[in-house]
Amino acid sequence: MSGGANVAFMVVLIAMLASIPRFTEGGVTCQLVVSSLTPCATYLLRGGQVLDRFCKGVKSLYKEASTTKDRQTACRCIEQATTLVPGIKIDHAQDLPGKCDIYIPYKISPAFNRST
């Protein structure tokens, strides 16, 4: 990402943090979700190599979202964030957990059922 694109992305993330509803059931918050996934932004938008720093955030969020309520909160926050950051590639989002050696028993999808 170029310097200008990095600045623009950070502005969008700051706006997201200010505007996303505060889902706080359990220990997961939207702020945690956004801060955990921000390092993955270039991969989610453009693909390429998955770096260790991407996986650190994904693994941290995975560990924090240990209950059904936490996972539902994380899902709602991710859904909200993706509406504010256009251009996220769903196939990159689907590949990221596996590339970070995390197994999730469901497929990431825009039509995701977040009841579990």
PDB file of N, CA and C in Angstrom:
ATOM      1  N   MET A   1       0.857  -1.164   0.000  1.00  0.00           N
ATOM      2  CA  MET A   1       0.000   0.000   0.000  1.00  0.00           C
ATOM      3  C   MET A   1       0.900   1.223   0.000  1.00  0.00           C
ATOM      4  N   SER A   2       0.591   2.216  -0.831  1.00  0.00           N
ATOM      5  CA  SER A   2       1.392   3.433  -0.868  1.00  0.00           C
ATOM      6  C   SER A   2       1.128   4.265   0.376  1.00  0.00           C
ATOM      7  N   GLY A   3       1.994   5.275   0.589  1.00  0.00           N
ATOM      8  CA  GLY A   3       1.833   6.130   1.767  1.00  0.00           C
ATOM      9  C   GLY A   3       0.472   6.793   1.814  1.00  0.00           C
ATOM     10  N   GLY A   4       0.005   7.310   0.658  1.00  0.00           N
ATOM     11  CA  GLY A   4      -1.305   7.953   0.608  1.00  0.00           C
ATOM     12  C   GLY A   4      -2.436   6.986   0.892  1.00  0.00           C
ATOM     13  N   ALA A   5      -2.298   5.768   0.373  1.00  0.00           N
ATOM     14  CA  ALA A   5      -3.327   4.757   0.620  1.00  0.00           C
ATOM     15  C   ALA A   5      -3.344   4.351   2.086  1.00  0.00           C
ATOM     16  N   ASN A   6      -2.158   4.274   2.702  1.00  0.00           N
ATOM     17  CA  ASN A   6      -2.100   3.952   4.134  1.00  0.00           C
ATOM     18  C   ASN A   6      -2.809   5.009   4.962  1.00  0.00           C
ATOM     19  N   VAL A   7      -2.571   6.281   4.649  1.00  0.00           N
ATOM     20  CA  VAL A   7      -3.219   7.372   5.380  1.00  0.00           C
ATOM     21  C   VAL A   7      -4.729   7.296   5.189  1.00  0.00           C
ATOM     22  N   ALA A   8      -5.162   7.085   3.953  1.00  0.00           N
ATOM     23  CA  ALA A   8      -6.601   6.999   3.677  1.00  0.00           C
ATOM     24  C   ALA A   8      -7.223   5.830   4.429  1.00  0.00           C
ATOM     25  N   PHE A   9      -6.534   4.698   4.448  1.00  0.00           N
ATOM     26  CA  PHE A   9      -7.061   3.533   5.145  1.00  0.00           C
ATOM     27  C   PHE A   9      -7.167   3.799   6.641  1.00  0.00           C
ATOM     28  N   MET A  10      -6.163   4.448   7.210  1.00  0.00           N
ATOM     29  CA  MET A  10      -6.199   4.759   8.642  1.00  0.00           C
ATOM     30  C   MET A  10      -7.343   5.719   8.965  1.00  0.00           C
ATOM     31  N   VAL A  11      -7.611   6.678   8.086  1.00  0.00           N
ATOM     32  CA  VAL A  11      -8.729   7.602   8.296  1.00  0.00           C
ATOM     33  C   VAL A  11     -10.042   6.826   8.310  1.00  0.00           C
ATOM     34  N   VAL A  12     -10.190   5.883   7.372  1.00  0.00           N
ATOM     35  CA  VAL A  12     -11.401   5.059   7.335  1.00  0.00           C
ATOM     36  C   VAL A  12     -11.523   4.239   8.619  1.00  0.00           C
ATOM     37  N   LEU A  13     -10.420   3.664   9.089  1.00  0.00           N
ATOM     38  CA  LEU A  13     -10.473   2.862  10.314  1.00  0.00           C
ATOM     39  C   LEU A  13     -10.840   3.699  11.530  1.00  0.00           C
ATOM     40  N   ILE A  14     -10.301   4.900  11.609  1.00  0.00           N
ATOM     41  CA  ILE A  14     -10.658   5.787  12.724  1.00  0.00           C
ATOM     42  C   ILE A  14     -12.143   6.116  12.669  1.00  0.00           C
ATOM     43  N   ALA A  15     -12.643   6.388  11.471  1.00  0.00           N
ATOM     44  CA  ALA A  15     -14.075   6.658  11.320  1.00  0.00           C
ATOM     45  C   ALA A  15     -14.899   5.442  11.722  1.00  0.00           C
ATOM     46  N   MET A  16     -14.410   4.252  11.371  1.00  0.00           N
ATOM     47  CA  MET A  16     -15.118   3.026  11.743  1.00  0.00           C
ATOM     48  C   MET A  16     -15.191   2.886  13.253  1.00  0.00           C
ATOM     49  N   LEU A  17     -14.082   3.113  13.911  1.00  0.00           N
ATOM     50  CA  LEU A  17     -14.069   2.984  15.369  1.00  0.00           C
ATOM     51  C   LEU A  17     -15.050   3.945  16.019  1.00  0.00           C
ATOM     52  N   ALA A  18     -15.205   5.112  15.424  1.00  0.00           N
ATOM     53  CA  ALA A  18     -16.115   6.105  15.989  1.00  0.00           C
ATOM     54  C   ALA A  18     -17.575   5.778  15.697  1.00  0.00           C
ATOM     55  N   SER A  19     -17.829   5.080  14.573  1.00  0.00           N
ATOM     56  CA  SER A  19     -19.219   4.907  14.155  1.00  0.00           C
ATOM     57  C   SER A  19     -19.803   3.522  14.384  1.00  0.00           C
ATOM     58  N   ILE A  20     -18.976   2.516  14.593  1.00  0.00           N
ATOM     59  CA  ILE A  20     -19.492   1.161  14.779  1.00  0.00           C
ATOM     60  C   ILE A  20     -20.172   1.059  16.137  1.00  0.00           C
ATOM     61  N   PRO A  21     -21.364   0.493  16.166  1.00  0.00           N
ATOM     62  CA  PRO A  21     -22.036   0.311  17.453  1.00  0.00           C
ATOM     63  C   PRO A  21     -21.171  -0.491  18.410  1.00  0.00           C
ATOM     64  N   ARG A  22     -21.311  -0.223  19.665  1.00  0.00           N
ATOM     65  CA  ARG A  22     -20.494  -0.866  20.689  1.00  0.00           C
ATOM     66  C   ARG A  22     -21.130  -2.182  21.120  1.00  0.00           C
ATOM     67  N   PHE A  23     -20.892  -3.244  20.333  1.00  0.00           N
ATOM     68  CA  PHE A  23     -21.355  -4.568  20.721  1.00  0.00           C
ATOM     69  C   PHE A  23     -20.396  -5.065  21.791  1.00  0.00           C
ATOM     70  N   THR A  24     -20.883  -5.276  23.006  1.00  0.00           N
ATOM     71  CA  THR A  24     -19.961  -5.644  24.074  1.00  0.00           C
ATOM     72  C   THR A  24     -20.395  -6.883  24.843  1.00  0.00           C
ATOM     73  N   GLU A  25     -21.172  -7.732  24.221  1.00  0.00           N
ATOM     74  CA  GLU A  25     -21.521  -8.975  24.890  1.00  0.00           C
ATOM     75  C   GLU A  25     -20.237  -9.791  25.023  1.00  0.00           C
ATOM     76  N   GLY A  26     -19.916 -10.230  26.220  1.00  0.00           N
ATOM     77  CA  GLY A  26     -18.690 -10.985  26.407  1.00  0.00           C
ATOM     78  C   GLY A  26     -17.484 -10.074  26.362  1.00  0.00           C
ATOM     79  N   GLY A  27     -16.344 -10.625  25.966  1.00  0.00           N
ATOM     80  CA  GLY A  27     -15.110  -9.872  25.991  1.00  0.00           C
ATOM     81  C   GLY A  27     -14.727  -9.226  24.678  1.00  0.00           C
ATOM     82  N   VAL A  28     -15.424  -9.501  23.592  1.00  0.00           N
ATOM     83  CA  VAL A  28     -15.060  -8.981  22.280  1.00  0.00           C
ATOM     84  C   VAL A  28     -15.805  -7.680  22.018  1.00  0.00           C
ATOM     85  N   THR A  29     -15.067  -6.682  21.567  1.00  0.00           N
ATOM     86  CA  THR A  29     -15.652  -5.399  21.174  1.00  0.00           C
ATOM     87  C   THR A  29     -15.304  -5.132  19.715  1.00  0.00           C
ATOM     88  N   CYS A  30     -16.021  -4.214  19.101  1.00  0.00           N
ATOM     89  CA  CYS A  30     -15.707  -3.843  17.722  1.00  0.00           C
ATOM     90  C   CYS A  30     -14.313  -3.230  17.635  1.00  0.00           C
ATOM     91  N   GLN A  31     -13.918  -2.502  18.658  1.00  0.00           N
ATOM     92  CA  GLN A  31     -12.576  -1.929  18.651  1.00  0.00           C
ATOM     93  C   GLN A  31     -11.527  -3.037  18.598  1.00  0.00           C
ATOM     94  N   LEU A  32     -11.741  -4.110  19.351  1.00  0.00           N
ATOM     95  CA  LEU A  32     -10.816  -5.243  19.334  1.00  0.00           C
ATOM     96  C   LEU A  32     -10.789  -5.891  17.952  1.00  0.00           C
ATOM     97  N   VAL A  33     -11.957  -6.080  17.362  1.00  0.00           N
ATOM     98  CA  VAL A  33     -12.043  -6.704  16.040  1.00  0.00           C
ATOM     99  C   VAL A  33     -11.282  -5.870  15.015  1.00  0.00           C
ATOM    100  N   VAL A  34     -11.558  -4.572  14.980  1.00  0.00           N
ATOM    101  CA  VAL A  34     -10.907  -3.697  14.001  1.00  0.00           C
ATOM    102  C   VAL A  34      -9.402  -3.653  14.229  1.00  0.00           C
ATOM    103  N   SER A  35      -8.983  -3.495  15.475  1.00  0.00           N
ATOM    104  CA  SER A  35      -7.536  -3.417  15.728  1.00  0.00           C
ATOM    105  C   SER A  35      -6.847  -4.751  15.436  1.00  0.00           C
ATOM    106  N   SER A  36      -7.532  -5.860  15.643  1.00  0.00           N
ATOM    107  CA  SER A  36      -6.945  -7.173  15.351  1.00  0.00           C
ATOM    108  C   SER A  36      -6.804  -7.417  13.854  1.00  0.00           C
ATOM    109  N   LEU A  37      -7.759  -6.923  13.076  1.00  0.00           N
ATOM    110  CA  LEU A  37      -7.765  -7.206  11.642  1.00  0.00           C
ATOM    111  C   LEU A  37      -7.122  -6.115  10.789  1.00  0.00           C
ATOM    112  N   THR A  38      -6.853  -4.950  11.353  1.00  0.00           N
ATOM    113  CA  THR A  38      -6.231  -3.867  10.595  1.00  0.00           C
ATOM    114  C   THR A  38      -4.921  -4.289   9.931  1.00  0.00           C
ATOM    115  N   PRO A  39      -4.044  -5.031  10.608  1.00  0.00           N
ATOM    116  CA  PRO A  39      -2.805  -5.432   9.933  1.00  0.00           C
ATOM    117  C   PRO A  39      -3.044  -6.281   8.676  1.00  0.00           C
ATOM    118  N   CYS A  40      -4.216  -6.879   8.556  1.00  0.00           N
ATOM    119  CA  CYS A  40      -4.544  -7.744   7.417  1.00  0.00           C
ATOM    120  C   CYS A  40      -5.119  -6.971   6.238  1.00  0.00           C
ATOM    121  N   ALA A  41      -5.282  -5.673   6.362  1.00  0.00           N
ATOM    122  CA  ALA A  41      -5.999  -4.885   5.359  1.00  0.00           C
ATOM    123  C   ALA A  41      -5.436  -5.058   3.960  1.00  0.00           C
ATOM    124  N   THR A  42      -4.126  -4.972   3.809  1.00  0.00           N
ATOM    125  CA  THR A  42      -3.559  -5.088   2.462  1.00  0.00           C
ATOM    126  C   THR A  42      -3.850  -6.462   1.871  1.00  0.00           C
ATOM    127  N   TYR A  43      -3.782  -7.504   2.688  1.00  0.00           N
ATOM    128  CA  TYR A  43      -4.084  -8.842   2.179  1.00  0.00           C
ATOM    129  C   TYR A  43      -5.561  -8.954   1.805  1.00  0.00           C
ATOM    130  N   LEU A  44      -6.448  -8.450   2.647  1.00  0.00           N
ATOM    131  CA  LEU A  44      -7.885  -8.552   2.381  1.00  0.00           C
ATOM    132  C   LEU A  44      -8.291  -7.769   1.137  1.00  0.00           C
ATOM    133  N   LEU A  45      -7.575  -6.693   0.848  1.00  0.00           N
ATOM    134  CA  LEU A  45      -7.888  -5.869  -0.313  1.00  0.00           C
ATOM    135  C   LEU A  45      -7.187  -6.340  -1.584  1.00  0.00           C
ATOM    136  N   ARG A  46      -5.943  -6.813  -1.451  1.00  0.00           N
ATOM    137  CA  ARG A  46      -5.140  -7.088  -2.641  1.00  0.00           C
ATOM    138  C   ARG A  46      -4.578  -8.496  -2.727  1.00  0.00           C
ATOM    139  N   GLY A  47      -4.640  -9.247  -1.652  1.00  0.00           N
ATOM    140  CA  GLY A  47      -4.030 -10.573  -1.659  1.00  0.00           C
ATOM    141  C   GLY A  47      -2.524 -10.477  -1.457  1.00  0.00           C
ATOM    142  N   GLY A  48      -1.807 -11.476  -1.944  1.00  0.00           N
ATOM    143  CA  GLY A  48      -0.358 -11.494  -1.797  1.00  0.00           C
ATOM    144  C   GLY A  48       0.068 -12.408  -0.670  1.00  0.00           C
ATOM    145  N   GLN A  49       1.244 -12.135  -0.159  1.00  0.00           N
ATOM    146  CA  GLN A  49       1.823 -12.963   0.899  1.00  0.00           C
ATOM    147  C   GLN A  49       1.167 -12.650   2.242  1.00  0.00           C
ATOM    148  N   VAL A  50       0.877 -13.690   3.004  1.00  0.00           N
ATOM    149  CA  VAL A  50       0.340 -13.520   4.353  1.00  0.00           C
ATOM    150  C   VAL A  50       1.529 -13.407   5.304  1.00  0.00           C
ATOM    151  N   LEU A  51       1.666 -12.252   5.921  1.00  0.00           N
ATOM    152  CA  LEU A  51       2.783 -11.990   6.822  1.00  0.00           C
ATOM    153  C   LEU A  51       2.427 -12.380   8.253  1.00  0.00           C
ATOM    154  N   ASP A  52       3.453 -12.599   9.057  1.00  0.00           N
ATOM    155  CA  ASP A  52       3.244 -12.984  10.460  1.00  0.00           C
ATOM    156  C   ASP A  52       2.376 -11.979  11.206  1.00  0.00           C
ATOM    157  N   ARG A  53       2.547 -10.692  10.915  1.00  0.00           N
ATOM    158  CA  ARG A  53       1.765  -9.683  11.643  1.00  0.00           C
ATOM    159  C   ARG A  53       0.274  -9.794  11.324  1.00  0.00           C
ATOM    160  N   PHE A  54      -0.071 -10.276  10.122  1.00  0.00           N
ATOM    161  CA  PHE A  54      -1.482 -10.490   9.797  1.00  0.00           C
ATOM    162  C   PHE A  54      -2.043 -11.569  10.714  1.00  0.00           C
ATOM    163  N   CYS A  55      -1.307 -12.658  10.811  1.00  0.00           N
ATOM    164  CA  CYS A  55      -1.771 -13.809  11.593  1.00  0.00           C
ATOM    165  C   CYS A  55      -1.801 -13.515  13.085  1.00  0.00           C
ATOM    166  N   LYS A  56      -0.930 -12.664  13.553  1.00  0.00           N
ATOM    167  CA  LYS A  56      -0.926 -12.332  14.982  1.00  0.00           C
ATOM    168  C   LYS A  56      -2.284 -11.759  15.394  1.00  0.00           C
ATOM    169  N   GLY A  57      -2.819 -10.828  14.602  1.00  0.00           N
ATOM    170  CA  GLY A  57      -4.118 -10.239  14.907  1.00  0.00           C
ATOM    171  C   GLY A  57      -5.254 -11.236  14.775  1.00  0.00           C
ATOM    172  N   VAL A  58      -5.211 -12.044  13.716  1.00  0.00           N
ATOM    173  CA  VAL A  58      -6.255 -13.051  13.495  1.00  0.00           C
ATOM    174  C   VAL A  58      -6.265 -14.061  14.642  1.00  0.00           C
ATOM    175  N   LYS A  59      -5.085 -14.522  15.041  1.00  0.00           N
ATOM    176  CA  LYS A  59      -4.999 -15.491  16.142  1.00  0.00           C
ATOM    177  C   LYS A  59      -5.450 -14.884  17.465  1.00  0.00           C
ATOM    178  N   SER A  60      -5.112 -13.629  17.676  1.00  0.00           N
ATOM    179  CA  SER A  60      -5.528 -12.946  18.898  1.00  0.00           C
ATOM    180  C   SER A  60      -7.053 -12.849  18.963  1.00  0.00           C
ATOM    181  N   LEU A  61      -7.670 -12.456  17.858  1.00  0.00           N
ATOM    182  CA  LEU A  61      -9.129 -12.357  17.815  1.00  0.00           C
ATOM    183  C   LEU A  61      -9.764 -13.735  17.990  1.00  0.00           C
ATOM    184  N   TYR A  62      -9.222 -14.736  17.333  1.00  0.00           N
ATOM    185  CA  TYR A  62      -9.738 -16.101  17.451  1.00  0.00           C
ATOM    186  C   TYR A  62      -9.715 -16.562  18.911  1.00  0.00           C
ATOM    187  N   LYS A  63      -8.628 -16.265  19.593  1.00  0.00           N
ATOM    188  CA  LYS A  63      -8.496 -16.654  21.000  1.00  0.00           C
ATOM    189  C   LYS A  63      -9.506 -15.908  21.875  1.00  0.00           C
ATOM    190  N   GLU A  64      -9.693 -14.622  21.622  1.00  0.00           N
ATOM    191  CA  GLU A  64     -10.625 -13.814  22.415  1.00  0.00           C
ATOM    192  C   GLU A  64     -12.077 -14.221  22.190  1.00  0.00           C
ATOM    193  N   ALA A  65     -12.417 -14.609  20.973  1.00  0.00           N
ATOM    194  CA  ALA A  65     -13.806 -14.956  20.632  1.00  0.00           C
ATOM    195  C   ALA A  65     -14.066 -16.414  20.997  1.00  0.00           C
ATOM    196  N   SER A  66     -14.057 -16.690  22.279  1.00  0.00           N
ATOM    197  CA  SER A  66     -14.131 -18.074  22.748  1.00  0.00           C
ATOM    198  C   SER A  66     -15.551 -18.554  23.041  1.00  0.00           C
ATOM    199  N   THR A  67     -16.506 -17.648  23.108  1.00  0.00           N
ATOM    200  CA  THR A  67     -17.892 -18.042  23.371  1.00  0.00           C
ATOM    201  C   THR A  67     -18.757 -17.728  22.160  1.00  0.00           C
ATOM    202  N   THR A  68     -19.941 -18.307  22.125  1.00  0.00           N
ATOM    203  CA  THR A  68     -20.869 -18.019  21.030  1.00  0.00           C
ATOM    204  C   THR A  68     -21.169 -16.529  20.963  1.00  0.00           C
ATOM    205  N   LYS A  69     -21.416 -15.893  22.099  1.00  0.00           N
ATOM    206  CA  LYS A  69     -21.709 -14.453  22.110  1.00  0.00           C
ATOM    207  C   LYS A  69     -20.532 -13.649  21.576  1.00  0.00           C
ATOM    208  N   ASP A  70     -19.317 -14.024  21.956  1.00  0.00           N
ATOM    209  CA  ASP A  70     -18.137 -13.326  21.452  1.00  0.00           C
ATOM    210  C   ASP A  70     -18.022 -13.467  19.935  1.00  0.00           C
ATOM    211  N   ARG A  71     -18.259 -14.671  19.427  1.00  0.00           N
ATOM    212  CA  ARG A  71     -18.167 -14.894  17.978  1.00  0.00           C
ATOM    213  C   ARG A  71     -19.263 -14.135  17.243  1.00  0.00           C
ATOM    214  N   GLN A  72     -20.467 -14.078  17.813  1.00  0.00           N
ATOM    215  CA  GLN A  72     -21.549 -13.315  17.193  1.00  0.00           C
ATOM    216  C   GLN A  72     -21.206 -11.830  17.164  1.00  0.00           C
ATOM    217  N   THR A  73     -20.635 -11.336  18.243  1.00  0.00           N
ATOM    218  CA  THR A  73     -20.223  -9.936  18.297  1.00  0.00           C
ATOM    219  C   THR A  73     -19.157  -9.667  17.251  1.00  0.00           C
ATOM    220  N   ALA A  74     -18.156 -10.528  17.175  1.00  0.00           N
ATOM    221  CA  ALA A  74     -17.092 -10.355  16.180  1.00  0.00           C
ATOM    222  C   ALA A  74     -17.670 -10.353  14.773  1.00  0.00           C
ATOM    223  N   CYS A  75     -18.602 -11.236  14.513  1.00  0.00           N
ATOM    224  CA  CYS A  75     -19.220 -11.317  13.193  1.00  0.00           C
ATOM    225  C   CYS A  75     -19.971 -10.034  12.852  1.00  0.00           C
ATOM    226  N   ARG A  76     -20.765  -9.532  13.799  1.00  0.00           N
ATOM    227  CA  ARG A  76     -21.494  -8.278  13.555  1.00  0.00           C
ATOM    228  C   ARG A  76     -20.530  -7.133  13.280  1.00  0.00           C
ATOM    229  N   CYS A  77     -19.457  -7.080  14.028  1.00  0.00           N
ATOM    230  CA  CYS A  77     -18.473  -6.010  13.845  1.00  0.00           C
ATOM    231  C   CYS A  77     -17.790  -6.117  12.490  1.00  0.00           C
ATOM    232  N   ILE A  78     -17.445  -7.326  12.091  1.00  0.00           N
ATOM    233  CA  ILE A  78     -16.813  -7.533  10.784  1.00  0.00           C
ATOM    234  C   ILE A  78     -17.776  -7.152   9.673  1.00  0.00           C
ATOM    235  N   GLU A  79     -19.041  -7.551   9.796  1.00  0.00           N
ATOM    236  CA  GLU A  79     -20.043  -7.179   8.792  1.00  0.00           C
ATOM    237  C   GLU A  79     -20.136  -5.664   8.660  1.00  0.00           C
ATOM    238  N   GLN A  80     -20.188  -4.969   9.783  1.00  0.00           N
ATOM    239  CA  GLN A  80     -20.278  -3.513   9.769  1.00  0.00           C
ATOM    240  C   GLN A  80     -19.025  -2.905   9.148  1.00  0.00           C
ATOM    241  N   ALA A  81     -17.866  -3.409   9.526  1.00  0.00           N
ATOM    242  CA  ALA A  81     -16.606  -2.868   9.013  1.00  0.00           C
ATOM    243  C   ALA A  81     -16.489  -3.057   7.508  1.00  0.00           C
ATOM    244  N   THR A  82     -16.942  -4.199   6.995  1.00  0.00           N
ATOM    245  CA  THR A  82     -16.810  -4.442   5.560  1.00  0.00           C
ATOM    246  C   THR A  82     -17.693  -3.521   4.739  1.00  0.00           C
ATOM    247  N   THR A  83     -18.766  -3.011   5.311  1.00  0.00           N
ATOM    248  CA  THR A  83     -19.586  -2.046   4.573  1.00  0.00           C
ATOM    249  C   THR A  83     -18.899  -0.689   4.493  1.00  0.00           C
ATOM    250  N   LEU A  84     -17.974  -0.428   5.407  1.00  0.00           N
ATOM    251  CA  LEU A  84     -17.274   0.855   5.431  1.00  0.00           C
ATOM    252  C   LEU A  84     -15.952   0.835   4.674  1.00  0.00           C
ATOM    253  N   VAL A  85     -15.452  -0.345   4.351  1.00  0.00           N
ATOM    254  CA  VAL A  85     -14.195  -0.477   3.610  1.00  0.00           C
ATOM    255  C   VAL A  85     -14.492  -1.255   2.328  1.00  0.00           C
ATOM    256  N   PRO A  86     -14.806  -0.545   1.239  1.00  0.00           N
ATOM    257  CA  PRO A  86     -15.118  -1.237  -0.007  1.00  0.00           C
ATOM    258  C   PRO A  86     -13.878  -1.914  -0.591  1.00  0.00           C
ATOM    259  N   GLY A  87     -14.099  -2.984  -1.308  1.00  0.00           N
ATOM    260  CA  GLY A  87     -13.006  -3.632  -2.019  1.00  0.00           C
ATOM    261  C   GLY A  87     -12.412  -4.839  -1.332  1.00  0.00           C
ATOM    262  N   ILE A  88     -12.931  -5.212  -0.157  1.00  0.00           N
ATOM    263  CA  ILE A  88     -12.417  -6.406   0.510  1.00  0.00           C
ATOM    264  C   ILE A  88     -12.810  -7.622  -0.328  1.00  0.00           C
ATOM    265  N   LYS A  89     -11.848  -8.453  -0.620  1.00  0.00           N
ATOM    266  CA  LYS A  89     -12.062  -9.638  -1.448  1.00  0.00           C
ATOM    267  C   LYS A  89     -12.475 -10.806  -0.554  1.00  0.00           C
ATOM    268  N   ILE A  90     -13.668 -11.339  -0.798  1.00  0.00           N
ATOM    269  CA  ILE A  90     -14.202 -12.407   0.045  1.00  0.00           C
ATOM    270  C   ILE A  90     -13.314 -13.646  -0.004  1.00  0.00           C
ATOM    271  N   ASP A  91     -12.724 -13.937  -1.175  1.00  0.00           N
ATOM    272  CA  ASP A  91     -11.863 -15.119  -1.258  1.00  0.00           C
ATOM    273  C   ASP A  91     -10.613 -14.960  -0.398  1.00  0.00           C
ATOM    274  N   HIS A  92     -10.111 -13.740  -0.275  1.00  0.00           N
ATOM    275  CA  HIS A  92      -8.963 -13.510   0.602  1.00  0.00           C
ATOM    276  C   HIS A  92      -9.379 -13.682   2.068  1.00  0.00           C
ATOM    277  N   ALA A  93     -10.561 -13.195   2.415  1.00  0.00           N
ATOM    278  CA  ALA A  93     -11.063 -13.355   3.783  1.00  0.00           C
ATOM    279  C   ALA A  93     -11.276 -14.834   4.103  1.00  0.00           C
ATOM    280  N   GLN A  94     -11.757 -15.597   3.128  1.00  0.00           N
ATOM    281  CA  GLN A  94     -11.978 -17.027   3.340  1.00  0.00           C
ATOM    282  C   GLN A  94     -10.665 -17.781   3.524  1.00  0.00           C
ATOM    283  N   ASP A  95      -9.615 -17.348   2.832  1.00  0.00           N
ATOM    284  CA  ASP A  95      -8.319 -18.028   2.891  1.00  0.00           C
ATOM    285  C   ASP A  95      -7.508 -17.685   4.133  1.00  0.00           C
ATOM    286  N   LEU A  96      -7.738 -16.518   4.714  1.00  0.00           N
ATOM    287  CA  LEU A  96      -6.873 -16.021   5.780  1.00  0.00           C
ATOM    288  C   LEU A  96      -6.779 -16.940   7.004  1.00  0.00           C
ATOM    289  N   PRO A  97      -7.885 -17.449   7.554  1.00  0.00           N
ATOM    290  CA  PRO A  97      -7.737 -18.326   8.729  1.00  0.00           C
ATOM    291  C   PRO A  97      -6.830 -19.528   8.455  1.00  0.00           C
ATOM    292  N   GLY A  98      -7.028 -20.189   7.340  1.00  0.00           N
ATOM    293  CA  GLY A  98      -6.199 -21.349   7.009  1.00  0.00           C
ATOM    294  C   GLY A  98      -4.738 -20.991   6.829  1.00  0.00           C
ATOM    295  N   LYS A  99      -4.481 -19.849   6.215  1.00  0.00           N
ATOM    296  CA  LYS A  99      -3.095 -19.411   6.021  1.00  0.00           C
ATOM    297  C   LYS A  99      -2.439 -19.043   7.344  1.00  0.00           C
ATOM    298  N   CYS A 100      -3.257 -18.785   8.350  1.00  0.00           N
ATOM    299  CA  CYS A 100      -2.741 -18.478   9.690  1.00  0.00           C
ATOM    300  C   CYS A 100      -2.827 -19.698  10.609  1.00  0.00           C
ATOM    301  N   ASP A 101      -3.065 -20.876  10.022  1.00  0.00           N
ATOM    302  CA  ASP A 101      -3.150 -22.135  10.779  1.00  0.00           C
ATOM    303  C   ASP A 101      -4.252 -22.122  11.829  1.00  0.00           C
ATOM    304  N   ILE A 102      -5.382 -21.536  11.466  1.00  0.00           N
ATOM    305  CA  ILE A 102      -6.559 -21.524  12.333  1.00  0.00           C
ATOM    306  C   ILE A 102      -7.672 -22.263  11.597  1.00  0.00           C
ATOM    307  N   TYR A 103      -8.305 -23.188  12.281  1.00  0.00           N
ATOM    308  CA  TYR A 103      -9.429 -23.911  11.703  1.00  0.00           C
ATOM    309  C   TYR A 103     -10.717 -23.328  12.253  1.00  0.00           C
ATOM    310  N   ILE A 104     -11.585 -22.899  11.355  1.00  0.00           N
ATOM    311  CA  ILE A 104     -12.933 -22.500  11.763  1.00  0.00           C
ATOM    312  C   ILE A 104     -13.906 -23.414  11.022  1.00  0.00           C
ATOM    313  N   PRO A 105     -14.915 -23.927  11.705  1.00  0.00           N
ATOM    314  CA  PRO A 105     -15.791 -24.946  11.123  1.00  0.00           C
ATOM    315  C   PRO A 105     -16.902 -24.388  10.238  1.00  0.00           C
ATOM    316  N   TYR A 106     -16.695 -23.234   9.651  1.00  0.00           N
ATOM    317  CA  TYR A 106     -17.688 -22.642   8.768  1.00  0.00           C
ATOM    318  C   TYR A 106     -16.966 -21.817   7.725  1.00  0.00           C
ATOM    319  N   LYS A 107     -17.674 -21.533   6.640  1.00  0.00           N
ATOM    320  CA  LYS A 107     -17.096 -20.763   5.544  1.00  0.00           C
ATOM    321  C   LYS A 107     -17.459 -19.293   5.714  1.00  0.00           C
ATOM    322  N   ILE A 108     -16.468 -18.444   5.589  1.00  0.00           N
ATOM    323  CA  ILE A 108     -16.713 -17.003   5.640  1.00  0.00           C
ATOM    324  C   ILE A 108     -17.454 -16.617   4.372  1.00  0.00           C
ATOM    325  N   SER A 109     -18.558 -15.900   4.541  1.00  0.00           N
ATOM    326  CA  SER A 109     -19.420 -15.562   3.417  1.00  0.00           C
ATOM    327  C   SER A 109     -20.232 -14.319   3.749  1.00  0.00           C
ATOM    328  N   PRO A 110     -20.579 -13.517   2.727  1.00  0.00           N
ATOM    329  CA  PRO A 110     -21.465 -12.377   2.996  1.00  0.00           C
ATOM    330  C   PRO A 110     -22.828 -12.813   3.534  1.00  0.00           C
ATOM    331  N   ALA A 111     -23.235 -14.044   3.236  1.00  0.00           N
ATOM    332  CA  ALA A 111     -24.522 -14.564   3.705  1.00  0.00           C
ATOM    333  C   ALA A 111     -24.328 -15.462   4.922  1.00  0.00           C
ATOM    334  N   PHE A 112     -23.318 -15.186   5.703  1.00  0.00           N
ATOM    335  CA  PHE A 112     -22.942 -16.014   6.843  1.00  0.00           C
ATOM    336  C   PHE A 112     -24.039 -16.031   7.903  1.00  0.00           C
ATOM    337  N   ASN A 113     -24.340 -17.221   8.413  1.00  0.00           N
ATOM    338  CA  ASN A 113     -25.295 -17.383   9.511  1.00  0.00           C
ATOM    339  C   ASN A 113     -24.511 -17.274  10.811  1.00  0.00           C
ATOM    340  N   ARG A 114     -24.714 -16.195  11.545  1.00  0.00           N
ATOM    341  CA  ARG A 114     -23.915 -15.985  12.752  1.00  0.00           C
ATOM    342  C   ARG A 114     -24.609 -16.464  14.026  1.00  0.00           C
ATOM    343  N   SER A 115     -25.507 -17.405  13.903  1.00  0.00           N
ATOM    344  CA  SER A 115     -26.197 -17.904  15.096  1.00  0.00           C
ATOM    345  C   SER A 115     -25.293 -18.777  15.962  1.00  0.00           C
ATOM    346  N   THR A 116     -24.174 -19.242  15.416  1.00  0.00           N
ATOM    347  CA  THR A 116     -23.242 -20.053  16.196  1.00  0.00           C
ATOM    348  C   THR A 116     -21.948 -19.312  16.336  1.00  0.00           C
TER     349      THR A 116
END
